[in-house]
Amino acid sequence: MAIKKILIVDDSPTERYYLTDILVKHGYEVATAENGEEALARIRVEKPQLILMDVVMPGANGFQVTRSIARDPALQDVPVIICSSKNQETDRIWGLRQGAKEYLVKPVDAADLLAKIAALD
């Protein structure tokens, strides 16, 4: 199934705007959430085909939310790409171990993001 609807989970309004702008210009439908709890609620309602997940957020962090998604039979088929300022290799490995399909370091390069989405499509 082609990826059309993407949920962006990030507590930064600037980051949500930046990612939304890239995706909408390339024909994607975008929904947003400001934190992990809101994300889990929005996933069930919006039924996104891809989630872009920040790590450092108030409440549950992106690693925890990604793990919750990966362990939930109703949600585990929705791929997660972590987009984080945490740039250590250990962070990347940990993110992938939690169930993320990809890990991008902020600032996210638009071409790189679009290529990762296309590879999942």
PDB file of N, CA and C in Angstrom:
ATOM      1  N   MET A   1       0.842  -1.184   0.000  1.00  0.00           N
ATOM      2  CA  MET A   1       0.000   0.000   0.000  1.00  0.00           C
ATOM      3  C   MET A   1       0.887   1.247   0.000  1.00  0.00           C
ATOM      4  N   ALA A   2       0.613   2.148  -0.882  1.00  0.00           N
ATOM      5  CA  ALA A   2       1.409   3.370  -0.984  1.00  0.00           C
ATOM      6  C   ALA A   2       1.198   4.249   0.244  1.00  0.00           C
ATOM      7  N   ILE A   3       2.278   4.854   0.707  1.00  0.00           N
ATOM      8  CA  ILE A   3       2.197   5.748   1.860  1.00  0.00           C
ATOM      9  C   ILE A   3       1.640   7.088   1.396  1.00  0.00           C
ATOM     10  N   LYS A   4       0.513   7.479   1.979  1.00  0.00           N
ATOM     11  CA  LYS A   4      -0.115   8.769   1.657  1.00  0.00           C
ATOM     12  C   LYS A   4      -0.291   9.624   2.901  1.00  0.00           C
ATOM     13  N   LYS A   5      -0.635   8.993   4.029  1.00  0.00           N
ATOM     14  CA  LYS A   5      -0.928   9.728   5.260  1.00  0.00           C
ATOM     15  C   LYS A   5       0.176   9.497   6.279  1.00  0.00           C
ATOM     16  N   ILE A   6       0.749  10.608   6.767  1.00  0.00           N
ATOM     17  CA  ILE A   6       1.878  10.550   7.690  1.00  0.00           C
ATOM     18  C   ILE A   6       1.554  11.335   8.954  1.00  0.00           C
ATOM     19  N   LEU A   7       1.850  10.735  10.100  1.00  0.00           N
ATOM     20  CA  LEU A   7       1.697  11.411  11.389  1.00  0.00           C
ATOM     21  C   LEU A   7       3.067  11.882  11.860  1.00  0.00           C
ATOM     22  N   ILE A   8       3.178  13.187  12.148  1.00  0.00           N
ATOM     23  CA  ILE A   8       4.411  13.763  12.684  1.00  0.00           C
ATOM     24  C   ILE A   8       4.221  13.948  14.185  1.00  0.00           C
ATOM     25  N   VAL A   9       5.134  13.381  14.971  1.00  0.00           N
ATOM     26  CA  VAL A   9       5.066  13.493  16.429  1.00  0.00           C
ATOM     27  C   VAL A   9       6.299  14.252  16.903  1.00  0.00           C
ATOM     28  N   ASP A  10       6.092  15.500  17.340  1.00  0.00           N
ATOM     29  CA  ASP A  10       7.210  16.337  17.776  1.00  0.00           C
ATOM     30  C   ASP A  10       6.659  17.459  18.647  1.00  0.00           C
ATOM     31  N   ASP A  11       7.320  17.747  19.759  1.00  0.00           N
ATOM     32  CA  ASP A  11       6.846  18.812  20.640  1.00  0.00           C
ATOM     33  C   ASP A  11       7.241  20.201  20.146  1.00  0.00           C
ATOM     34  N   SER A  12       8.083  20.287  19.132  1.00  0.00           N
ATOM     35  CA  SER A  12       8.531  21.576  18.594  1.00  0.00           C
ATOM     36  C   SER A  12       7.617  22.029  17.457  1.00  0.00           C
ATOM     37  N   PRO A  13       6.916  23.155  17.622  1.00  0.00           N
ATOM     38  CA  PRO A  13       6.076  23.671  16.527  1.00  0.00           C
ATOM     39  C   PRO A  13       6.888  23.936  15.261  1.00  0.00           C
ATOM     40  N   THR A  14       8.121  24.412  15.421  1.00  0.00           N
ATOM     41  CA  THR A  14       8.981  24.701  14.267  1.00  0.00           C
ATOM     42  C   THR A  14       9.286  23.417  13.496  1.00  0.00           C
ATOM     43  N   GLU A  15       9.612  22.373  14.214  1.00  0.00           N
ATOM     44  CA  GLU A  15       9.942  21.099  13.565  1.00  0.00           C
ATOM     45  C   GLU A  15       8.704  20.505  12.878  1.00  0.00           C
ATOM     46  N   ARG A  16       7.543  20.576  13.541  1.00  0.00           N
ATOM     47  CA  ARG A  16       6.312  20.079  12.923  1.00  0.00           C
ATOM     48  C   ARG A  16       6.025  20.836  11.631  1.00  0.00           C
ATOM     49  N   TYR A  17       6.196  22.167  11.664  1.00  0.00           N
ATOM     50  CA  TYR A  17       5.949  22.979  10.472  1.00  0.00           C
ATOM     51  C   TYR A  17       6.933  22.607   9.358  1.00  0.00           C
ATOM     52  N   TYR A  18       8.205  22.484   9.691  1.00  0.00           N
ATOM     53  CA  TYR A  18       9.243  22.164   8.702  1.00  0.00           C
ATOM     54  C   TYR A  18       8.950  20.831   8.014  1.00  0.00           C
ATOM     55  N   LEU A  19       8.660  19.807   8.798  1.00  0.00           N
ATOM     56  CA  LEU A  19       8.391  18.481   8.216  1.00  0.00           C
ATOM     57  C   LEU A  19       7.074  18.472   7.447  1.00  0.00           C
ATOM     58  N   THR A  20       6.053  19.145   7.987  1.00  0.00           N
ATOM     59  CA  THR A  20       4.759  19.219   7.292  1.00  0.00           C
ATOM     60  C   THR A  20       4.931  19.880   5.930  1.00  0.00           C
ATOM     61  N   ASP A  21       5.684  20.969   5.899  1.00  0.00           N
ATOM     62  CA  ASP A  21       5.909  21.703   4.654  1.00  0.00           C
ATOM     63  C   ASP A  21       6.556  20.809   3.587  1.00  0.00           C
ATOM     64  N   ILE A  22       7.576  20.071   3.965  1.00  0.00           N
ATOM     65  CA  ILE A  22       8.252  19.161   3.032  1.00  0.00           C
ATOM     66  C   ILE A  22       7.254  18.128   2.493  1.00  0.00           C
ATOM     67  N   LEU A  23       6.514  17.510   3.403  1.00  0.00           N
ATOM     68  CA  LEU A  23       5.640  16.400   3.020  1.00  0.00           C
ATOM     69  C   LEU A  23       4.444  16.847   2.191  1.00  0.00           C
ATOM     70  N   VAL A  24       3.810  17.946   2.575  1.00  0.00           N
ATOM     71  CA  VAL A  24       2.644  18.431   1.837  1.00  0.00           C
ATOM     72  C   VAL A  24       3.052  18.826   0.415  1.00  0.00           C
ATOM     73  N   LYS A  25       4.217  19.458   0.276  1.00  0.00           N
ATOM     74  CA  LYS A  25       4.712  19.849  -1.058  1.00  0.00           C
ATOM     75  C   LYS A  25       4.953  18.639  -1.957  1.00  0.00           C
ATOM     76  N   HIS A  26       5.104  17.465  -1.337  1.00  0.00           N
ATOM     77  CA  HIS A  26       5.338  16.245  -2.107  1.00  0.00           C
ATOM     78  C   HIS A  26       4.113  15.332  -2.130  1.00  0.00           C
ATOM     79  N   GLY A  27       2.935  15.906  -1.815  1.00  0.00           N
ATOM     80  CA  GLY A  27       1.683  15.198  -2.003  1.00  0.00           C
ATOM     81  C   GLY A  27       1.206  14.326  -0.858  1.00  0.00           C
ATOM     82  N   TYR A  28       1.861  14.421   0.290  1.00  0.00           N
ATOM     83  CA  TYR A  28       1.433  13.612   1.429  1.00  0.00           C
ATOM     84  C   TYR A  28       0.378  14.346   2.254  1.00  0.00           C
ATOM     85  N   GLU A  29      -0.510  13.583   2.873  1.00  0.00           N
ATOM     86  CA  GLU A  29      -1.471  14.112   3.827  1.00  0.00           C
ATOM     87  C   GLU A  29      -0.817  13.992   5.199  1.00  0.00           C
ATOM     88  N   VAL A  30      -0.870  15.069   5.995  1.00  0.00           N
ATOM     89  CA  VAL A  30      -0.135  15.098   7.254  1.00  0.00           C
ATOM     90  C   VAL A  30      -1.057  15.391   8.431  1.00  0.00           C
ATOM     91  N   ALA A  31      -0.861  14.645   9.509  1.00  0.00           N
ATOM     92  CA  ALA A  31      -1.470  14.928  10.805  1.00  0.00           C
ATOM     93  C   ALA A  31      -0.320  15.113  11.785  1.00  0.00           C
ATOM     94  N   THR A  32      -0.563  15.822  12.885  1.00  0.00           N
ATOM     95  CA  THR A  32       0.506  16.055  13.849  1.00  0.00           C
ATOM     96  C   THR A  32       0.049  15.748  15.274  1.00  0.00           C
ATOM     97  N   ALA A  33       1.022  15.457  16.118  1.00  0.00           N
ATOM     98  CA  ALA A  33       0.807  15.270  17.550  1.00  0.00           C
ATOM     99  C   ALA A  33       1.988  15.905  18.268  1.00  0.00           C
ATOM    100  N   GLU A  34       1.725  16.474  19.448  1.00  0.00           N
ATOM    101  CA  GLU A  34       2.764  17.193  20.187  1.00  0.00           C
ATOM    102  C   GLU A  34       3.507  16.335  21.203  1.00  0.00           C
ATOM    103  N   ASN A  35       2.984  15.147  21.501  1.00  0.00           N
ATOM    104  CA  ASN A  35       3.637  14.296  22.492  1.00  0.00           C
ATOM    105  C   ASN A  35       3.229  12.843  22.263  1.00  0.00           C
ATOM    106  N   GLY A  36       3.843  11.955  23.014  1.00  0.00           N
ATOM    107  CA  GLY A  36       3.614  10.527  22.830  1.00  0.00           C
ATOM    108  C   GLY A  36       2.197  10.088  23.106  1.00  0.00           C
ATOM    109  N   GLU A  37       1.600  10.619  24.172  1.00  0.00           N
ATOM    110  CA  GLU A  37       0.233  10.230  24.520  1.00  0.00           C
ATOM    111  C   GLU A  37      -0.739  10.639  23.420  1.00  0.00           C
ATOM    112  N   GLU A  38      -0.591  11.886  22.937  1.00  0.00           N
ATOM    113  CA  GLU A  38      -1.445  12.362  21.847  1.00  0.00           C
ATOM    114  C   GLU A  38      -1.211  11.518  20.595  1.00  0.00           C
ATOM    115  N   ALA A  39       0.042  11.146  20.369  1.00  0.00           N
ATOM    116  CA  ALA A  39       0.372  10.334  19.197  1.00  0.00           C
ATOM    117  C   ALA A  39      -0.372   9.009  19.213  1.00  0.00           C
ATOM    118  N   LEU A  40      -0.355   8.320  20.349  1.00  0.00           N
ATOM    119  CA  LEU A  40      -1.018   7.018  20.425  1.00  0.00           C
ATOM    120  C   LEU A  40      -2.520   7.150  20.176  1.00  0.00           C
ATOM    121  N   ALA A  41      -3.114   8.236  20.655  1.00  0.00           N
ATOM    122  CA  ALA A  41      -4.538   8.475  20.407  1.00  0.00           C
ATOM    123  C   ALA A  41      -4.781   8.796  18.931  1.00  0.00           C
ATOM    124  N   ARG A  42      -3.931   9.639  18.349  1.00  0.00           N
ATOM    125  CA  ARG A  42      -4.108  10.056  16.937  1.00  0.00           C
ATOM    126  C   ARG A  42      -3.892   8.888  15.973  1.00  0.00           C
ATOM    127  N   ILE A  43      -2.981   7.981  16.311  1.00  0.00           N
ATOM    128  CA  ILE A  43      -2.709   6.838  15.437  1.00  0.00           C
ATOM    129  C   ILE A  43      -3.975   6.016  15.245  1.00  0.00           C
ATOM    130  N   ARG A  44      -4.697   5.806  16.335  1.00  0.00           N
ATOM    131  CA  ARG A  44      -5.920   4.996  16.267  1.00  0.00           C
ATOM    132  C   ARG A  44      -7.020   5.682  15.469  1.00  0.00           C
ATOM    133  N   VAL A  45      -7.076   7.018  15.533  1.00  0.00           N
ATOM    134  CA  VAL A  45      -8.114   7.775  14.823  1.00  0.00           C
ATOM    135  C   VAL A  45      -7.714   8.047  13.374  1.00  0.00           C
ATOM    136  N   GLU A  46      -6.498   8.540  13.180  1.00  0.00           N
ATOM    137  CA  GLU A  46      -6.032   8.977  11.860  1.00  0.00           C
ATOM    138  C   GLU A  46      -5.614   7.821  10.951  1.00  0.00           C
ATOM    139  N   LYS A  47      -5.194   6.701  11.545  1.00  0.00           N
ATOM    140  CA  LYS A  47      -4.718   5.538  10.783  1.00  0.00           C
ATOM    141  C   LYS A  47      -3.630   5.922   9.771  1.00  0.00           C
ATOM    142  N   PRO A  48      -2.539   6.532  10.264  1.00  0.00           N
ATOM    143  CA  PRO A  48      -1.462   6.914   9.338  1.00  0.00           C
ATOM    144  C   PRO A  48      -0.775   5.673   8.768  1.00  0.00           C
ATOM    145  N   GLN A  49      -0.108   5.866   7.639  1.00  0.00           N
ATOM    146  CA  GLN A  49       0.647   4.776   7.015  1.00  0.00           C
ATOM    147  C   GLN A  49       2.137   4.879   7.341  1.00  0.00           C
ATOM    148  N   LEU A  50       2.507   5.968   8.030  1.00  0.00           N
ATOM    149  CA  LEU A  50       3.883   6.185   8.453  1.00  0.00           C
ATOM    150  C   LEU A  50       3.871   7.185   9.604  1.00  0.00           C
ATOM    151  N   ILE A  51       4.798   7.018  10.542  1.00  0.00           N
ATOM    152  CA  ILE A  51       4.924   7.941  11.671  1.00  0.00           C
ATOM    153  C   ILE A  51       6.353   8.467  11.709  1.00  0.00           C
ATOM    154  N   LEU A  52       6.496   9.795  11.787  1.00  0.00           N
ATOM    155  CA  LEU A  52       7.802  10.421  12.014  1.00  0.00           C
ATOM    156  C   LEU A  52       7.835  10.808  13.479  1.00  0.00           C
ATOM    157  N   MET A  53       8.751  10.236  14.235  1.00  0.00           N
ATOM    158  CA  MET A  53       8.752  10.327  15.698  1.00  0.00           C
ATOM    159  C   MET A  53       9.981  11.038  16.239  1.00  0.00           C
ATOM    160  N   ASP A  54       9.754  12.102  17.007  1.00  0.00           N
ATOM    161  CA  ASP A  54      10.824  12.739  17.770  1.00  0.00           C
ATOM    162  C   ASP A  54      11.145  11.840  18.962  1.00  0.00           C
ATOM    163  N   VAL A  55      12.282  12.041  19.590  1.00  0.00           N
ATOM    164  CA  VAL A  55      12.624  11.252  20.778  1.00  0.00           C
ATOM    165  C   VAL A  55      12.384  12.055  22.051  1.00  0.00           C
ATOM    166  N   VAL A  56      12.973  13.246  22.147  1.00  0.00           N
ATOM    167  CA  VAL A  56      12.906  14.022  23.377  1.00  0.00           C
ATOM    168  C   VAL A  56      11.626  14.863  23.384  1.00  0.00           C
ATOM    169  N   MET A  57      10.650  14.405  24.196  1.00  0.00           N
ATOM    170  CA  MET A  57       9.362  15.088  24.321  1.00  0.00           C
ATOM    171  C   MET A  57       8.900  14.972  25.768  1.00  0.00           C
ATOM    172  N   PRO A  58       7.994  15.861  26.187  1.00  0.00           N
ATOM    173  CA  PRO A  58       7.431  15.717  27.535  1.00  0.00           C
ATOM    174  C   PRO A  58       6.624  14.420  27.635  1.00  0.00           C
ATOM    175  N   GLY A  59       6.576  13.843  28.818  1.00  0.00           N
ATOM    176  CA  GLY A  59       5.840  12.587  28.995  1.00  0.00           C
ATOM    177  C   GLY A  59       6.639  11.436  28.411  1.00  0.00           C
ATOM    178  N   ALA A  60       5.933  10.525  27.767  1.00  0.00           N
ATOM    179  CA  ALA A  60       6.597   9.368  27.152  1.00  0.00           C
ATOM    180  C   ALA A  60       7.514   9.843  26.028  1.00  0.00           C
ATOM    181  N   ASN A  61       8.750   9.351  26.015  1.00  0.00           N
ATOM    182  CA  ASN A  61       9.660   9.764  24.942  1.00  0.00           C
ATOM    183  C   ASN A  61       9.409   8.927  23.680  1.00  0.00           C
ATOM    184  N   GLY A  62      10.036   9.342  22.587  1.00  0.00           N
ATOM    185  CA  GLY A  62       9.810   8.679  21.309  1.00  0.00           C
ATOM    186  C   GLY A  62      10.214   7.215  21.287  1.00  0.00           C
ATOM    187  N   PHE A  63      11.240   6.850  22.045  1.00  0.00           N
ATOM    188  CA  PHE A  63      11.629   5.441  22.117  1.00  0.00           C
ATOM    189  C   PHE A  63      10.502   4.626  22.758  1.00  0.00           C
ATOM    190  N   GLN A  64       9.931   5.157  23.853  1.00  0.00           N
ATOM    191  CA  GLN A  64       8.851   4.450  24.543  1.00  0.00           C
ATOM    192  C   GLN A  64       7.615   4.314  23.655  1.00  0.00           C
ATOM    193  N   VAL A  65       7.263   5.385  22.961  1.00  0.00           N
ATOM    194  CA  VAL A  65       6.078   5.354  22.094  1.00  0.00           C
ATOM    195  C   VAL A  65       6.304   4.404  20.921  1.00  0.00           C
ATOM    196  N   THR A  66       7.504   4.428  20.350  1.00  0.00           N
ATOM    197  CA  THR A  66       7.825   3.509  19.254  1.00  0.00           C
ATOM    198  C   THR A  66       7.710   2.062  19.718  1.00  0.00           C
ATOM    199  N   ARG A  67       8.199   1.769  20.916  1.00  0.00           N
ATOM    200  CA  ARG A  67       8.095   0.425  21.478  1.00  0.00           C
ATOM    201  C   ARG A  67       6.623   0.033  21.678  1.00  0.00           C
ATOM    202  N   SER A  68       5.801   0.961  22.165  1.00  0.00           N
ATOM    203  CA  SER A  68       4.370   0.689  22.351  1.00  0.00           C
ATOM    204  C   SER A  68       3.697   0.358  21.025  1.00  0.00           C
ATOM    205  N   ILE A  69       4.051   1.098  19.989  1.00  0.00           N
ATOM    206  CA  ILE A  69       3.488   0.854  18.658  1.00  0.00           C
ATOM    207  C   ILE A  69       3.915  -0.523  18.160  1.00  0.00           C
ATOM    208  N   ALA A  70       5.207  -0.830  18.292  1.00  0.00           N
ATOM    209  CA  ALA A  70       5.746  -2.099  17.785  1.00  0.00           C
ATOM    210  C   ALA A  70       5.146  -3.307  18.499  1.00  0.00           C
ATOM    211  N   ARG A  71       4.747  -3.131  19.759  1.00  0.00           N
ATOM    212  CA  ARG A  71       4.210  -4.258  20.536  1.00  0.00           C
ATOM    213  C   ARG A  71       2.693  -4.383  20.449  1.00  0.00           C
ATOM    214  N   ASP A  72       2.030  -3.420  19.835  1.00  0.00           N
ATOM    215  CA  ASP A  72       0.567  -3.440  19.744  1.00  0.00           C
ATOM    216  C   ASP A  72       0.155  -4.085  18.428  1.00  0.00           C
ATOM    217  N   PRO A  73      -0.526  -5.235  18.473  1.00  0.00           N
ATOM    218  CA  PRO A  73      -0.907  -5.926  17.234  1.00  0.00           C
ATOM    219  C   PRO A  73      -1.722  -5.054  16.269  1.00  0.00           C
ATOM    220  N   ALA A  74      -2.482  -4.103  16.800  1.00  0.00           N
ATOM    221  CA  ALA A  74      -3.304  -3.241  15.947  1.00  0.00           C
ATOM    222  C   ALA A  74      -2.482  -2.147  15.266  1.00  0.00           C
ATOM    223  N   LEU A  75      -1.289  -1.871  15.794  1.00  0.00           N
ATOM    224  CA  LEU A  75      -0.483  -0.751  15.284  1.00  0.00           C
ATOM    225  C   LEU A  75       0.855  -1.172  14.699  1.00  0.00           C
ATOM    226  N   GLN A  76       1.299  -2.385  14.974  1.00  0.00           N
ATOM    227  CA  GLN A  76       2.679  -2.771  14.664  1.00  0.00           C
ATOM    228  C   GLN A  76       3.033  -2.744  13.183  1.00  0.00           C
ATOM    229  N   ASP A  77       2.046  -2.709  12.305  1.00  0.00           N
ATOM    230  CA  ASP A  77       2.351  -2.653  10.873  1.00  0.00           C
ATOM    231  C   ASP A  77       2.618  -1.232  10.383  1.00  0.00           C
ATOM    232  N   VAL A  78       2.428  -0.237  11.248  1.00  0.00           N
ATOM    233  CA  VAL A  78       2.684   1.153  10.857  1.00  0.00           C
ATOM    234  C   VAL A  78       4.165   1.449  11.085  1.00  0.00           C
ATOM    235  N   PRO A  79       4.915   1.718  10.021  1.00  0.00           N
ATOM    236  CA  PRO A  79       6.351   1.973  10.201  1.00  0.00           C
ATOM    237  C   PRO A  79       6.615   3.309  10.899  1.00  0.00           C
ATOM    238  N   VAL A  80       7.695   3.340  11.661  1.00  0.00           N
ATOM    239  CA  VAL A  80       8.124   4.543  12.371  1.00  0.00           C
ATOM    240  C   VAL A  80       9.515   4.922  11.886  1.00  0.00           C
ATOM    241  N   ILE A  81       9.680   6.210  11.554  1.00  0.00           N
ATOM    242  CA  ILE A  81      11.007   6.769  11.299  1.00  0.00           C
ATOM    243  C   ILE A  81      11.269   7.750  12.431  1.00  0.00           C
ATOM    244  N   ILE A  82      12.316   7.493  13.204  1.00  0.00           N
ATOM    245  CA  ILE A  82      12.675   8.417  14.273  1.00  0.00           C
ATOM    246  C   ILE A  82      13.466   9.570  13.668  1.00  0.00           C
ATOM    247  N   CYS A  83      13.063  10.799  14.031  1.00  0.00           N
ATOM    248  CA  CYS A  83      13.761  12.016  13.611  1.00  0.00           C
ATOM    249  C   CYS A  83      14.174  12.729  14.894  1.00  0.00           C
ATOM    250  N   SER A  84      15.457  12.670  15.224  1.00  0.00           N
ATOM    251  CA  SER A  84      15.888  13.166  16.533  1.00  0.00           C
ATOM    252  C   SER A  84      17.188  13.952  16.447  1.00  0.00           C
ATOM    253  N   SER A  85      17.352  14.850  17.409  1.00  0.00           N
ATOM    254  CA  SER A  85      18.624  15.565  17.524  1.00  0.00           C
ATOM    255  C   SER A  85      19.664  14.698  18.237  1.00  0.00           C
ATOM    256  N   LYS A  86      19.230  13.581  18.806  1.00  0.00           N
ATOM    257  CA  LYS A  86      20.165  12.646  19.470  1.00  0.00           C
ATOM    258  C   LYS A  86      20.964  11.942  18.372  1.00  0.00           C
ATOM    259  N   ASN A  87      22.234  12.313  18.256  1.00  0.00           N
ATOM    260  CA  ASN A  87      23.008  11.880  17.091  1.00  0.00           C
ATOM    261  C   ASN A  87      24.059  10.814  17.387  1.00  0.00           C
ATOM    262  N   GLN A  88      23.976  10.174  18.538  1.00  0.00           N
ATOM    263  CA  GLN A  88      24.945   9.119  18.849  1.00  0.00           C
ATOM    264  C   GLN A  88      24.534   7.806  18.179  1.00  0.00           C
ATOM    265  N   GLU A  89      25.497   7.014  17.797  1.00  0.00           N
ATOM    266  CA  GLU A  89      25.222   5.716  17.183  1.00  0.00           C
ATOM    267  C   GLU A  89      24.407   4.829  18.127  1.00  0.00           C
ATOM    268  N   THR A  90      24.673   4.946  19.434  1.00  0.00           N
ATOM    269  CA  THR A  90      23.907   4.145  20.403  1.00  0.00           C
ATOM    270  C   THR A  90      22.427   4.529  20.388  1.00  0.00           C
ATOM    271  N   ASP A  91      22.131   5.818  20.164  1.00  0.00           N
ATOM    272  CA  ASP A  91      20.732   6.259  20.071  1.00  0.00           C
ATOM    273  C   ASP A  91      20.072   5.639  18.842  1.00  0.00           C
ATOM    274  N   ARG A  92      20.792   5.644  17.726  1.00  0.00           N
ATOM    275  CA  ARG A  92      20.253   5.078  16.491  1.00  0.00           C
ATOM    276  C   ARG A  92      19.957   3.581  16.674  1.00  0.00           C
ATOM    277  N   ILE A  93      20.910   2.881  17.234  1.00  0.00           N
ATOM    278  CA  ILE A  93      20.728   1.439  17.448  1.00  0.00           C
ATOM    279  C   ILE A  93      19.554   1.183  18.391  1.00  0.00           C
ATOM    280  N   TRP A  94      19.473   1.958  19.476  1.00  0.00           N
ATOM    281  CA  TRP A  94      18.389   1.786  20.438  1.00  0.00           C
ATOM    282  C   TRP A  94      17.035   2.053  19.771  1.00  0.00           C
ATOM    283  N   GLY A  95      16.963   3.106  18.947  1.00  0.00           N
ATOM    284  CA  GLY A  95      15.720   3.422  18.244  1.00  0.00           C
ATOM    285  C   GLY A  95      15.271   2.289  17.338  1.00  0.00           C
ATOM    286  N   LEU A  96      16.213   1.712  16.621  1.00  0.00           N
ATOM    287  CA  LEU A  96      15.881   0.597  15.724  1.00  0.00           C
ATOM    288  C   LEU A  96      15.471  -0.635  16.530  1.00  0.00           C
ATOM    289  N   ARG A  97      16.089  -0.830  17.674  1.00  0.00           N
ATOM    290  CA  ARG A  97      15.726  -1.976  18.530  1.00  0.00           C
ATOM    291  C   ARG A  97      14.324  -1.814  19.121  1.00  0.00           C
ATOM    292  N   GLN A  98      13.862  -0.575  19.239  1.00  0.00           N
ATOM    293  CA  GLN A  98      12.515  -0.344  19.769  1.00  0.00           C
ATOM    294  C   GLN A  98      11.439  -0.592  18.711  1.00  0.00           C
ATOM    295  N   GLY A  99      11.880  -0.728  17.458  1.00  0.00           N
ATOM    296  CA  GLY A  99      10.927  -1.022  16.392  1.00  0.00           C
ATOM    297  C   GLY A  99      10.912  -0.022  15.253  1.00  0.00           C
ATOM    298  N   ALA A 100      11.719   1.035  15.337  1.00  0.00           N
ATOM    299  CA  ALA A 100      11.771   2.004  14.237  1.00  0.00           C
ATOM    300  C   ALA A 100      12.382   1.362  12.992  1.00  0.00           C
ATOM    301  N   LYS A 101      11.901   1.785  11.822  1.00  0.00           N
ATOM    302  CA  LYS A 101      12.440   1.272  10.556  1.00  0.00           C
ATOM    303  C   LYS A 101      13.668   2.061  10.110  1.00  0.00           C
ATOM    304  N   GLU A 102      13.701   3.345  10.488  1.00  0.00           N
ATOM    305  CA  GLU A 102      14.816   4.226  10.108  1.00  0.00           C
ATOM    306  C   GLU A 102      15.069   5.204  11.243  1.00  0.00           C
ATOM    307  N   TYR A 103      16.247   5.835  11.210  1.00  0.00           N
ATOM    308  CA  TYR A 103      16.609   6.825  12.223  1.00  0.00           C
ATOM    309  C   TYR A 103      17.312   7.969  11.501  1.00  0.00           C
ATOM    310  N   LEU A 104      16.710   9.147  11.538  1.00  0.00           N
ATOM    311  CA  LEU A 104      17.302  10.326  10.911  1.00  0.00           C
ATOM    312  C   LEU A 104      17.680  11.332  11.982  1.00  0.00           C
ATOM    313  N   VAL A 105      18.822  12.005  11.795  1.00  0.00           N
ATOM    314  CA  VAL A 105      19.282  13.007  12.746  1.00  0.00           C
ATOM    315  C   VAL A 105      18.857  14.390  12.258  1.00  0.00           C
ATOM    316  N   LYS A 106      18.316  15.199  13.189  1.00  0.00           N
ATOM    317  CA  LYS A 106      17.942  16.585  12.884  1.00  0.00           C
ATOM    318  C   LYS A 106      19.196  17.449  12.806  1.00  0.00           C
ATOM    319  N   PRO A 107      19.191  18.476  11.978  1.00  0.00           N
ATOM    320  CA  PRO A 107      18.091  18.838  11.089  1.00  0.00           C
ATOM    321  C   PRO A 107      17.945  17.816   9.959  1.00  0.00           C
ATOM    322  N   VAL A 108      16.707  17.394   9.741  1.00  0.00           N
ATOM    323  CA  VAL A 108      16.424  16.376   8.739  1.00  0.00           C
ATOM    324  C   VAL A 108      16.584  16.973   7.343  1.00  0.00           C
ATOM    325  N   ASP A 109      17.348  16.267   6.517  1.00  0.00           N
ATOM    326  CA  ASP A 109      17.521  16.671   5.122  1.00  0.00           C
ATOM    327  C   ASP A 109      16.304  16.203   4.334  1.00  0.00           C
ATOM    328  N   ALA A 110      15.654  17.125   3.615  1.00  0.00           N
ATOM    329  CA  ALA A 110      14.411  16.814   2.899  1.00  0.00           C
ATOM    330  C   ALA A 110      14.592  15.656   1.918  1.00  0.00           C
ATOM    331  N   ALA A 111      15.663  15.679   1.135  1.00  0.00           N
ATOM    332  CA  ALA A 111      15.892  14.629   0.135  1.00  0.00           C
ATOM    333  C   ALA A 111      16.092  13.264   0.809  1.00  0.00           C
ATOM    334  N   ASP A 112      16.814  13.273   1.926  1.00  0.00           N
ATOM    335  CA  ASP A 112      17.056  12.036   2.675  1.00  0.00           C
ATOM    336  C   ASP A 112      15.741  11.496   3.232  1.00  0.00           C
ATOM    337  N   LEU A 113      14.926  12.365   3.812  1.00  0.00           N
ATOM    338  CA  LEU A 113      13.628  11.959   4.352  1.00  0.00           C
ATOM    339  C   LEU A 113      12.744  11.354   3.263  1.00  0.00           C
ATOM    340  N   LEU A 114      12.651  12.044   2.138  1.00  0.00           N
ATOM    341  CA  LEU A 114      11.813  11.563   1.036  1.00  0.00           C
ATOM    342  C   LEU A 114      12.317  10.230   0.485  1.00  0.00           C
ATOM    343  N   ALA A 115      13.632  10.050   0.453  1.00  0.00           N
ATOM    344  CA  ALA A 115      14.210   8.783  -0.010  1.00  0.00           C
ATOM    345  C   ALA A 115      13.868   7.653   0.960  1.00  0.00           C
ATOM    346  N   LYS A 116      13.941   7.924   2.259  1.00  0.00           N
ATOM    347  CA  LYS A 116      13.605   6.892   3.257  1.00  0.00           C
ATOM    348  C   LYS A 116      12.139   6.514   3.157  1.00  0.00           C
ATOM    349  N   ILE A 117      11.260   7.506   2.949  1.00  0.00           N
ATOM    350  CA  ILE A 117       9.827   7.209   2.787  1.00  0.00           C
ATOM    351  C   ILE A 117       9.603   6.376   1.541  1.00  0.00           C
ATOM    352  N   ALA A 118      10.232   6.744   0.443  1.00  0.00           N
ATOM    353  CA  ALA A 118      10.081   6.003  -0.818  1.00  0.00           C
ATOM    354  C   ALA A 118      10.554   4.559  -0.662  1.00  0.00           C
ATOM    355  N   ALA A 119      11.617   4.361   0.108  1.00  0.00           N
ATOM    356  CA  ALA A 119      12.138   3.002   0.312  1.00  0.00           C
ATOM    357  C   ALA A 119      11.167   2.134   1.104  1.00  0.00           C
ATOM    358  N   LEU A 120      10.344   2.743   1.951  1.00  0.00           N
ATOM    359  CA  LEU A 120       9.359   1.985   2.735  1.00  0.00           C
ATOM    360  C   LEU A 120       8.099   1.725   1.936  1.00  0.00           C
ATOM    361  N   ASP A 121       7.880   2.523   0.912  1.00  0.00           N
ATOM    362  CA  ASP A 121       6.634   2.475   0.132  1.00  0.00           C
ATOM    363  C   ASP A 121       6.494   1.200  -0.666  1.00  0.00           C
TER     364      ASP A 121
END
